[in-house]
């Protein structure tokens, strides 16, 4: 990991033609990447529970028992309550 000598921001590896450069996204500084040096860009994102999407599939309710219908209603209400508390 290298930082820009002009503004101190992180330098990002980019290809420019056949050569590889380290570029500052803030001030535009460019430094040549020496042969044999390699960099890997990797992002990690942490999600909160409220960022997740729940998929609800609605199917025909005919033929379901009263207990199955009640279980569906309860899950639906729990989902609504969860969204209202976020």
PDB file of N, CA and C in Angstrom:
ATOM      1  N   UNK A   1       0.847  -1.154   0.000  1.00  0.00           N
ATOM      2  CA  UNK A   1       0.000   0.000   0.000  1.00  0.00           C
ATOM      3  C   UNK A   1       0.907   1.237   0.000  1.00  0.00           C
ATOM      4  N   UNK A   2       0.614   2.134  -0.920  1.00  0.00           N
ATOM      5  CA  UNK A   2       1.400   3.363  -0.994  1.00  0.00           C
ATOM      6  C   UNK A   2       0.480   4.569  -0.986  1.00  0.00           C
ATOM      7  N   UNK A   3       1.018   5.696  -0.491  1.00  0.00           N
ATOM      8  CA  UNK A   3       0.233   6.908  -0.377  1.00  0.00           C
ATOM      9  C   UNK A   3       0.848   8.015  -1.210  1.00  0.00           C
ATOM     10  N   UNK A   4      -0.005   8.939  -1.654  1.00  0.00           N
ATOM     11  CA  UNK A   4       0.413  10.040  -2.511  1.00  0.00           C
ATOM     12  C   UNK A   4       1.386  10.950  -1.757  1.00  0.00           C
ATOM     13  N   UNK A   5       2.545  11.261  -2.353  1.00  0.00           N
ATOM     14  CA  UNK A   5       3.499  12.149  -1.685  1.00  0.00           C
ATOM     15  C   UNK A   5       3.022  13.600  -1.656  1.00  0.00           C
ATOM     16  N   UNK A   6       2.030  13.937  -2.478  1.00  0.00           N
ATOM     17  CA  UNK A   6       1.550  15.319  -2.532  1.00  0.00           C
ATOM     18  C   UNK A   6       0.392  15.595  -1.576  1.00  0.00           C
ATOM     19  N   UNK A   7      -0.584  14.665  -1.509  1.00  0.00           N
ATOM     20  CA  UNK A   7      -1.753  14.931  -0.661  1.00  0.00           C
ATOM     21  C   UNK A   7      -1.988  13.873   0.413  1.00  0.00           C
ATOM     22  N   UNK A   8      -1.280  12.747   0.348  1.00  0.00           N
ATOM     23  CA  UNK A   8      -1.384  11.725   1.380  1.00  0.00           C
ATOM     24  C   UNK A   8      -2.489  10.704   1.183  1.00  0.00           C
ATOM     25  N   UNK A   9      -3.257  10.803   0.103  1.00  0.00           N
ATOM     26  CA  UNK A   9      -4.323   9.829  -0.156  1.00  0.00           C
ATOM     27  C   UNK A   9      -3.740   8.527  -0.699  1.00  0.00           C
ATOM     28  N   UNK A  10      -4.524   7.446  -0.639  1.00  0.00           N
ATOM     29  CA  UNK A  10      -4.114   6.136  -1.113  1.00  0.00           C
ATOM     30  C   UNK A  10      -3.937   6.148  -2.629  1.00  0.00           C
ATOM     31  N   UNK A  11      -2.815   5.568  -3.112  1.00  0.00           N
ATOM     32  CA  UNK A  11      -2.578   5.450  -4.550  1.00  0.00           C
ATOM     33  C   UNK A  11      -3.223   4.166  -5.058  1.00  0.00           C
ATOM     34  N   UNK A  12      -3.910   4.263  -6.185  1.00  0.00           N
ATOM     35  CA  UNK A  12      -4.636   3.146  -6.770  1.00  0.00           C
ATOM     36  C   UNK A  12      -3.893   2.660  -8.013  1.00  0.00           C
ATOM     37  N   UNK A  13      -3.655   1.349  -8.153  1.00  0.00           N
ATOM     38  CA  UNK A  13      -2.985   0.843  -9.350  1.00  0.00           C
ATOM     39  C   UNK A  13      -3.912   0.912 -10.571  1.00  0.00           C
ATOM     40  N   UNK A  14      -3.375   1.438 -11.693  1.00  0.00           N
ATOM     41  CA  UNK A  14      -4.128   1.542 -12.950  1.00  0.00           C
ATOM     42  C   UNK A  14      -3.208   1.179 -14.098  1.00  0.00           C
ATOM     43  N   UNK A  15      -3.805   0.661 -15.185  1.00  0.00           N
ATOM     44  CA  UNK A  15      -3.041   0.406 -16.401  1.00  0.00           C
ATOM     45  C   UNK A  15      -3.139   1.630 -17.287  1.00  0.00           C
ATOM     46  N   UNK A  16      -2.002   2.045 -17.838  1.00  0.00           N
ATOM     47  CA  UNK A  16      -1.979   3.167 -18.763  1.00  0.00           C
ATOM     48  C   UNK A  16      -1.160   2.706 -19.960  1.00  0.00           C
ATOM     49  N   UNK A  17      -1.863   2.296 -21.015  1.00  0.00           N
ATOM     50  CA  UNK A  17      -1.169   1.700 -22.141  1.00  0.00           C
ATOM     51  C   UNK A  17      -0.641   0.339 -21.729  1.00  0.00           C
ATOM     52  N   UNK A  18       0.666   0.132 -21.938  1.00  0.00           N
ATOM     53  CA  UNK A  18       1.279  -1.146 -21.534  1.00  0.00           C
ATOM     54  C   UNK A  18       1.916  -1.068 -20.155  1.00  0.00           C
ATOM     55  N   UNK A  19       2.021   0.137 -19.618  1.00  0.00           N
ATOM     56  CA  UNK A  19       2.650   0.279 -18.305  1.00  0.00           C
ATOM     57  C   UNK A  19       1.599   0.350 -17.200  1.00  0.00           C
ATOM     58  N   UNK A  20       2.043   0.078 -15.985  1.00  0.00           N
ATOM     59  CA  UNK A  20       1.173   0.147 -14.813  1.00  0.00           C
ATOM     60  C   UNK A  20       1.583   1.348 -13.976  1.00  0.00           C
ATOM     61  N   UNK A  21       0.601   2.089 -13.504  1.00  0.00           N
ATOM     62  CA  UNK A  21       0.847   3.301 -12.736  1.00  0.00           C
ATOM     63  C   UNK A  21       0.131   3.225 -11.390  1.00  0.00           C
ATOM     64  N   UNK A  22       0.632   4.014 -10.443  1.00  0.00           N
ATOM     65  CA  UNK A  22      -0.074   4.249  -9.190  1.00  0.00           C
ATOM     66  C   UNK A  22      -0.624   5.665  -9.290  1.00  0.00           C
ATOM     67  N   UNK A  23      -1.958   5.796  -9.172  1.00  0.00           N
ATOM     68  CA  UNK A  23      -2.613   7.076  -9.426  1.00  0.00           C
ATOM     69  C   UNK A  23      -3.370   7.526  -8.186  1.00  0.00           C
ATOM     70  N   UNK A  24      -3.301   8.824  -7.915  1.00  0.00           N
ATOM     71  CA  UNK A  24      -4.059   9.422  -6.815  1.00  0.00           C
ATOM     72  C   UNK A  24      -5.380   9.937  -7.381  1.00  0.00           C
ATOM     73  N   UNK A  25      -6.486   9.478  -6.838  1.00  0.00           N
ATOM     74  CA  UNK A  25      -7.805   9.887  -7.308  1.00  0.00           C
ATOM     75  C   UNK A  25      -8.134  11.324  -6.902  1.00  0.00           C
ATOM     76  N   UNK A  26      -7.448  11.852  -5.880  1.00  0.00           N
ATOM     77  CA  UNK A  26      -7.761  13.206  -5.409  1.00  0.00           C
ATOM     78  C   UNK A  26      -7.019  14.279  -6.198  1.00  0.00           C
ATOM     79  N   UNK A  27      -5.698  14.168  -6.273  1.00  0.00           N
ATOM     80  CA  UNK A  27      -4.929  15.253  -6.902  1.00  0.00           C
ATOM     81  C   UNK A  27      -4.399  14.903  -8.290  1.00  0.00           C
ATOM     82  N   UNK A  28      -4.495  13.625  -8.706  1.00  0.00           N
ATOM     83  CA  UNK A  28      -4.066  13.240 -10.030  1.00  0.00           C
ATOM     84  C   UNK A  28      -2.600  12.836 -10.139  1.00  0.00           C
ATOM     85  N   UNK A  29      -1.881  12.799  -9.033  1.00  0.00           N
ATOM     86  CA  UNK A  29      -0.476  12.381  -9.050  1.00  0.00           C
ATOM     87  C   UNK A  29      -0.364  10.986  -9.666  1.00  0.00           C
ATOM     88  N   UNK A  30       0.685  10.784 -10.477  1.00  0.00           N
ATOM     89  CA  UNK A  30       0.941   9.473 -11.072  1.00  0.00           C
ATOM     90  C   UNK A  30       2.371   9.065 -10.784  1.00  0.00           C
ATOM     91  N   UNK A  31       2.535   7.844 -10.317  1.00  0.00           N
ATOM     92  CA  UNK A  31       3.855   7.276 -10.075  1.00  0.00           C
ATOM     93  C   UNK A  31       3.950   5.951 -10.797  1.00  0.00           C
ATOM     94  N   UNK A  32       5.088   5.687 -11.407  1.00  0.00           N
ATOM     95  CA  UNK A  32       5.240   4.456 -12.163  1.00  0.00           C
ATOM     96  C   UNK A  32       5.401   3.271 -11.207  1.00  0.00           C
ATOM     97  N   UNK A  33       4.766   2.181 -11.545  1.00  0.00           N
ATOM     98  CA  UNK A  33       4.862   0.949 -10.780  1.00  0.00           C
ATOM     99  C   UNK A  33       6.061   0.181 -11.299  1.00  0.00           C
ATOM    100  N   UNK A  34       7.000  -0.110 -10.420  1.00  0.00           N
ATOM    101  CA  UNK A  34       8.232  -0.783 -10.824  1.00  0.00           C
ATOM    102  C   UNK A  34       7.963  -2.223 -11.228  1.00  0.00           C
ATOM    103  N   UNK A  35       8.772  -2.758 -12.138  1.00  0.00           N
ATOM    104  CA  UNK A  35       8.641  -4.143 -12.570  1.00  0.00           C
ATOM    105  C   UNK A  35       8.812  -5.072 -11.370  1.00  0.00           C
ATOM    106  N   UNK A  36       8.007  -6.082 -11.316  1.00  0.00           N
ATOM    107  CA  UNK A  36       8.095  -7.038 -10.214  1.00  0.00           C
ATOM    108  C   UNK A  36       7.165  -6.687  -9.065  1.00  0.00           C
ATOM    109  N   UNK A  37       6.733  -5.432  -8.958  1.00  0.00           N
ATOM    110  CA  UNK A  37       5.783  -5.033  -7.922  1.00  0.00           C
ATOM    111  C   UNK A  37       4.382  -5.403  -8.395  1.00  0.00           C
ATOM    112  N   UNK A  38       3.572  -5.910  -7.514  1.00  0.00           N
ATOM    113  CA  UNK A  38       2.194  -6.206  -7.876  1.00  0.00           C
ATOM    114  C   UNK A  38       1.263  -5.726  -6.771  1.00  0.00           C
ATOM    115  N   UNK A  39       0.084  -5.310  -7.178  1.00  0.00           N
ATOM    116  CA  UNK A  39      -0.920  -4.829  -6.245  1.00  0.00           C
ATOM    117  C   UNK A  39      -2.236  -5.508  -6.543  1.00  0.00           C
ATOM    118  N   UNK A  40      -3.009  -5.737  -5.518  1.00  0.00           N
ATOM    119  CA  UNK A  40      -4.329  -6.324  -5.680  1.00  0.00           C
ATOM    120  C   UNK A  40      -5.324  -5.387  -5.023  1.00  0.00           C
ATOM    121  N   UNK A  41      -6.355  -5.010  -5.766  1.00  0.00           N
ATOM    122  CA  UNK A  41      -7.389  -4.136  -5.235  1.00  0.00           C
ATOM    123  C   UNK A  41      -8.524  -5.018  -4.743  1.00  0.00           C
ATOM    124  N   UNK A  42      -8.930  -4.811  -3.489  1.00  0.00           N
ATOM    125  CA  UNK A  42      -9.955  -5.644  -2.887  1.00  0.00           C
ATOM    126  C   UNK A  42     -10.833  -4.776  -2.002  1.00  0.00           C
ATOM    127  N   UNK A  43     -12.137  -4.931  -2.132  1.00  0.00           N
ATOM    128  CA  UNK A  43     -13.089  -4.180  -1.324  1.00  0.00           C
ATOM    129  C   UNK A  43     -13.842  -5.145  -0.422  1.00  0.00           C
ATOM    130  N   UNK A  44     -14.024  -4.765   0.838  1.00  0.00           N
ATOM    131  CA  UNK A  44     -14.854  -5.541   1.749  1.00  0.00           C
ATOM    132  C   UNK A  44     -15.955  -4.622   2.239  1.00  0.00           C
ATOM    133  N   UNK A  45     -17.177  -5.116   2.166  1.00  0.00           N
ATOM    134  CA  UNK A  45     -18.327  -4.324   2.573  1.00  0.00           C
ATOM    135  C   UNK A  45     -19.071  -5.086   3.657  1.00  0.00           C
ATOM    136  N   UNK A  46     -19.338  -4.410   4.752  1.00  0.00           N
ATOM    137  CA  UNK A  46     -20.126  -5.022   5.812  1.00  0.00           C
ATOM    138  C   UNK A  46     -21.550  -4.496   5.709  1.00  0.00           C
ATOM    139  N   UNK A  47     -22.520  -5.397   5.811  1.00  0.00           N
ATOM    140  CA  UNK A  47     -23.914  -5.017   5.686  1.00  0.00           C
ATOM    141  C   UNK A  47     -24.603  -5.093   7.039  1.00  0.00           C
ATOM    142  N   UNK A  48     -25.509  -4.144   7.254  1.00  0.00           N
ATOM    143  CA  UNK A  48     -26.365  -4.185   8.425  1.00  0.00           C
ATOM    144  C   UNK A  48     -27.580  -5.041   8.080  1.00  0.00           C
ATOM    145  N   UNK A  49     -28.299  -5.481   9.070  1.00  0.00           N
ATOM    146  CA  UNK A  49     -29.491  -6.285   8.826  1.00  0.00           C
ATOM    147  C   UNK A  49     -30.502  -5.523   7.972  1.00  0.00           C
ATOM    148  N   UNK A  50     -30.567  -4.206   8.142  1.00  0.00           N
ATOM    149  CA  UNK A  50     -31.529  -3.409   7.374  1.00  0.00           C
ATOM    150  C   UNK A  50     -31.138  -3.284   5.907  1.00  0.00           C
ATOM    151  N   UNK A  51     -29.894  -3.613   5.535  1.00  0.00           N
ATOM    152  CA  UNK A  51     -29.453  -3.551   4.147  1.00  0.00           C
ATOM    153  C   UNK A  51     -29.853  -4.793   3.355  1.00  0.00           C
ATOM    154  N   UNK A  52     -30.217  -5.844   4.058  1.00  0.00           N
ATOM    155  CA  UNK A  52     -30.537  -7.099   3.389  1.00  0.00           C
ATOM    156  C   UNK A  52     -31.959  -7.058   2.824  1.00  0.00           C
ATOM    157  N   UNK A  53     -32.159  -7.746   1.742  1.00  0.00           N
ATOM    158  CA  UNK A  53     -33.462  -7.794   1.098  1.00  0.00           C
ATOM    159  C   UNK A  53     -34.070  -9.171   1.298  1.00  0.00           C
ATOM    160  N   UNK A  54     -35.288  -9.186   1.753  1.00  0.00           N
ATOM    161  CA  UNK A  54     -35.985 -10.454   1.930  1.00  0.00           C
ATOM    162  C   UNK A  54     -36.944 -10.639   0.760  1.00  0.00           C
ATOM    163  N   UNK A  55     -36.904 -11.809   0.161  1.00  0.00           N
ATOM    164  CA  UNK A  55     -37.775 -12.111  -0.963  1.00  0.00           C
ATOM    165  C   UNK A  55     -38.964 -12.902  -0.446  1.00  0.00           C
ATOM    166  N   UNK A  56     -40.146 -12.417  -0.773  1.00  0.00           N
ATOM    167  CA  UNK A  56     -41.365 -13.096  -0.360  1.00  0.00           C
ATOM    168  C   UNK A  56     -42.067 -13.567  -1.626  1.00  0.00           C
ATOM    169  N   UNK A  57     -42.304 -14.850  -1.697  1.00  0.00           N
ATOM    170  CA  UNK A  57     -42.974 -15.421  -2.861  1.00  0.00           C
ATOM    171  C   UNK A  57     -44.414 -15.738  -2.478  1.00  0.00           C
ATOM    172  N   UNK A  58     -45.342 -15.168  -3.219  1.00  0.00           N
ATOM    173  CA  UNK A  58     -46.748 -15.401  -2.945  1.00  0.00           C
ATOM    174  C   UNK A  58     -47.229 -16.488  -3.901  1.00  0.00           C
ATOM    175  N   UNK A  59     -47.793 -17.521  -3.323  1.00  0.00           N
ATOM    176  CA  UNK A  59     -48.351 -18.607  -4.129  1.00  0.00           C
ATOM    177  C   UNK A  59     -49.827 -18.715  -3.810  1.00  0.00           C
ATOM    178  N   UNK A  60     -50.477 -19.494  -4.577  1.00  0.00           N
ATOM    179  CA  UNK A  60     -51.897 -19.721  -4.373  1.00  0.00           C
ATOM    180  C   UNK A  60     -52.116 -20.315  -2.979  1.00  0.00           C
ATOM    181  N   UNK A  61     -53.043 -19.724  -2.228  1.00  0.00           N
ATOM    182  CA  UNK A  61     -53.289 -20.174  -0.859  1.00  0.00           C
ATOM    183  C   UNK A  61     -54.321 -21.295  -0.791  1.00  0.00           C
ATOM    184  N   UNK A  62     -54.884 -21.660  -1.926  1.00  0.00           N
ATOM    185  CA  UNK A  62     -55.865 -22.742  -1.926  1.00  0.00           C
ATOM    186  C   UNK A  62     -55.191 -24.042  -1.511  1.00  0.00           C
ATOM    187  N   UNK A  63     -55.842 -24.782  -0.687  1.00  0.00           N
ATOM    188  CA  UNK A  63     -55.309 -26.072  -0.279  1.00  0.00           C
ATOM    189  C   UNK A  63     -54.413 -25.999   0.953  1.00  0.00           C
ATOM    190  N   UNK A  64     -54.131 -24.789   1.450  1.00  0.00           N
ATOM    191  CA  UNK A  64     -53.313 -24.664   2.659  1.00  0.00           C
ATOM    192  C   UNK A  64     -54.206 -24.829   3.882  1.00  0.00           C
ATOM    193  N   UNK A  65     -53.647 -25.426   4.896  1.00  0.00           N
ATOM    194  CA  UNK A  65     -54.417 -25.598   6.135  1.00  0.00           C
ATOM    195  C   UNK A  65     -54.488 -24.268   6.874  1.00  0.00           C
ATOM    196  N   UNK A  66     -55.387 -24.203   7.816  1.00  0.00           N
ATOM    197  CA  UNK A  66     -55.537 -22.972   8.608  1.00  0.00           C
ATOM    198  C   UNK A  66     -54.239 -22.654   9.363  1.00  0.00           C
ATOM    199  N   UNK A  67     -53.529 -23.680   9.837  1.00  0.00           N
ATOM    200  CA  UNK A  67     -52.263 -23.478  10.547  1.00  0.00           C
ATOM    201  C   UNK A  67     -51.201 -22.877   9.619  1.00  0.00           C
ATOM    202  N   UNK A  68     -51.152 -23.349   8.372  1.00  0.00           N
ATOM    203  CA  UNK A  68     -50.179 -22.807   7.406  1.00  0.00           C
ATOM    204  C   UNK A  68     -50.507 -21.357   7.059  1.00  0.00           C
ATOM    205  N   UNK A  69     -51.798 -21.056   6.891  1.00  0.00           N
ATOM    206  CA  UNK A  69     -52.212 -19.671   6.626  1.00  0.00           C
ATOM    207  C   UNK A  69     -51.849 -18.758   7.799  1.00  0.00           C
ATOM    208  N   UNK A  70     -52.086 -19.236   9.014  1.00  0.00           N
ATOM    209  CA  UNK A  70     -51.758 -18.443  10.206  1.00  0.00           C
ATOM    210  C   UNK A  70     -50.253 -18.213  10.311  1.00  0.00           C
ATOM    211  N   UNK A  71     -49.458 -19.236  10.000  1.00  0.00           N
ATOM    212  CA  UNK A  71     -47.993 -19.088  10.036  1.00  0.00           C
ATOM    213  C   UNK A  71     -47.539 -18.036   9.027  1.00  0.00           C
ATOM    214  N   UNK A  72     -48.162 -18.015   7.852  1.00  0.00           N
ATOM    215  CA  UNK A  72     -47.825 -16.998   6.842  1.00  0.00           C
ATOM    216  C   UNK A  72     -48.168 -15.601   7.351  1.00  0.00           C
ATOM    217  N   UNK A  73     -49.340 -15.467   7.960  1.00  0.00           N
ATOM    218  CA  UNK A  73     -49.762 -14.158   8.483  1.00  0.00           C
ATOM    219  C   UNK A  73     -48.786 -13.669   9.556  1.00  0.00           C
ATOM    220  N   UNK A  74     -48.372 -14.563  10.423  1.00  0.00           N
ATOM    221  CA  UNK A  74     -47.435 -14.191  11.488  1.00  0.00           C
ATOM    222  C   UNK A  74     -46.087 -13.741  10.909  1.00  0.00           C
ATOM    223  N   UNK A  75     -45.573 -14.477   9.921  1.00  0.00           N
ATOM    224  CA  UNK A  75     -44.303 -14.084   9.291  1.00  0.00           C
ATOM    225  C   UNK A  75     -44.427 -12.714   8.619  1.00  0.00           C
ATOM    226  N   UNK A  76     -45.578 -12.472   7.985  1.00  0.00           N
ATOM    227  CA  UNK A  76     -45.814 -11.192   7.335  1.00  0.00           C
ATOM    228  C   UNK A  76     -45.801 -10.063   8.372  1.00  0.00           C
ATOM    229  N   UNK A  77     -46.507 -10.257   9.470  1.00  0.00           N
ATOM    230  CA  UNK A  77     -46.569  -9.235  10.526  1.00  0.00           C
ATOM    231  C   UNK A  77     -45.184  -9.009  11.140  1.00  0.00           C
ATOM    232  N   UNK A  78     -44.424 -10.084  11.365  1.00  0.00           N
ATOM    233  CA  UNK A  78     -43.054  -9.949  11.893  1.00  0.00           C
ATOM    234  C   UNK A  78     -42.193  -9.132  10.942  1.00  0.00           C
ATOM    235  N   UNK A  79     -42.340  -9.371   9.650  1.00  0.00           N
ATOM    236  CA  UNK A  79     -41.574  -8.613   8.657  1.00  0.00           C
ATOM    237  C   UNK A  79     -41.916  -7.139   8.685  1.00  0.00           C
ATOM    238  N   UNK A  80     -43.203  -6.821   8.788  1.00  0.00           N
ATOM    239  CA  UNK A  80     -43.638  -5.422   8.861  1.00  0.00           C
ATOM    240  C   UNK A  80     -43.107  -4.769  10.132  1.00  0.00           C
ATOM    241  N   UNK A  81     -43.211  -5.474  11.263  1.00  0.00           N
ATOM    242  CA  UNK A  81     -42.702  -4.940  12.529  1.00  0.00           C
ATOM    243  C   UNK A  81     -41.205  -4.676  12.448  1.00  0.00           C
ATOM    244  N   UNK A  82     -40.455  -5.594  11.826  1.00  0.00           N
ATOM    245  CA  UNK A  82     -39.013  -5.425  11.686  1.00  0.00           C
ATOM    246  C   UNK A  82     -38.689  -4.173  10.888  1.00  0.00           C
ATOM    247  N   UNK A  83     -39.403  -3.958   9.782  1.00  0.00           N
ATOM    248  CA  UNK A  83     -39.148  -2.787   8.946  1.00  0.00           C
ATOM    249  C   UNK A  83     -39.495  -1.488   9.670  1.00  0.00           C
ATOM    250  N   UNK A  84     -40.526  -1.506  10.503  1.00  0.00           N
ATOM    251  CA  UNK A  84     -40.920  -0.301  11.228  1.00  0.00           C
ATOM    252  C   UNK A  84     -39.949   0.056  12.327  1.00  0.00           C
ATOM    253  N   UNK A  85     -39.191  -0.908  12.856  1.00  0.00           N
ATOM    254  CA  UNK A  85     -38.239  -0.612  13.938  1.00  0.00           C
ATOM    255  C   UNK A  85     -36.905  -0.143  13.414  1.00  0.00           C
ATOM    256  N   UNK A  86     -36.617  -0.327  12.137  1.00  0.00           N
ATOM    257  CA  UNK A  86     -35.309   0.080  11.573  1.00  0.00           C
ATOM    258  C   UNK A  86     -35.273   1.562  11.316  1.00  0.00           C
TER     259      UNK A  86
END
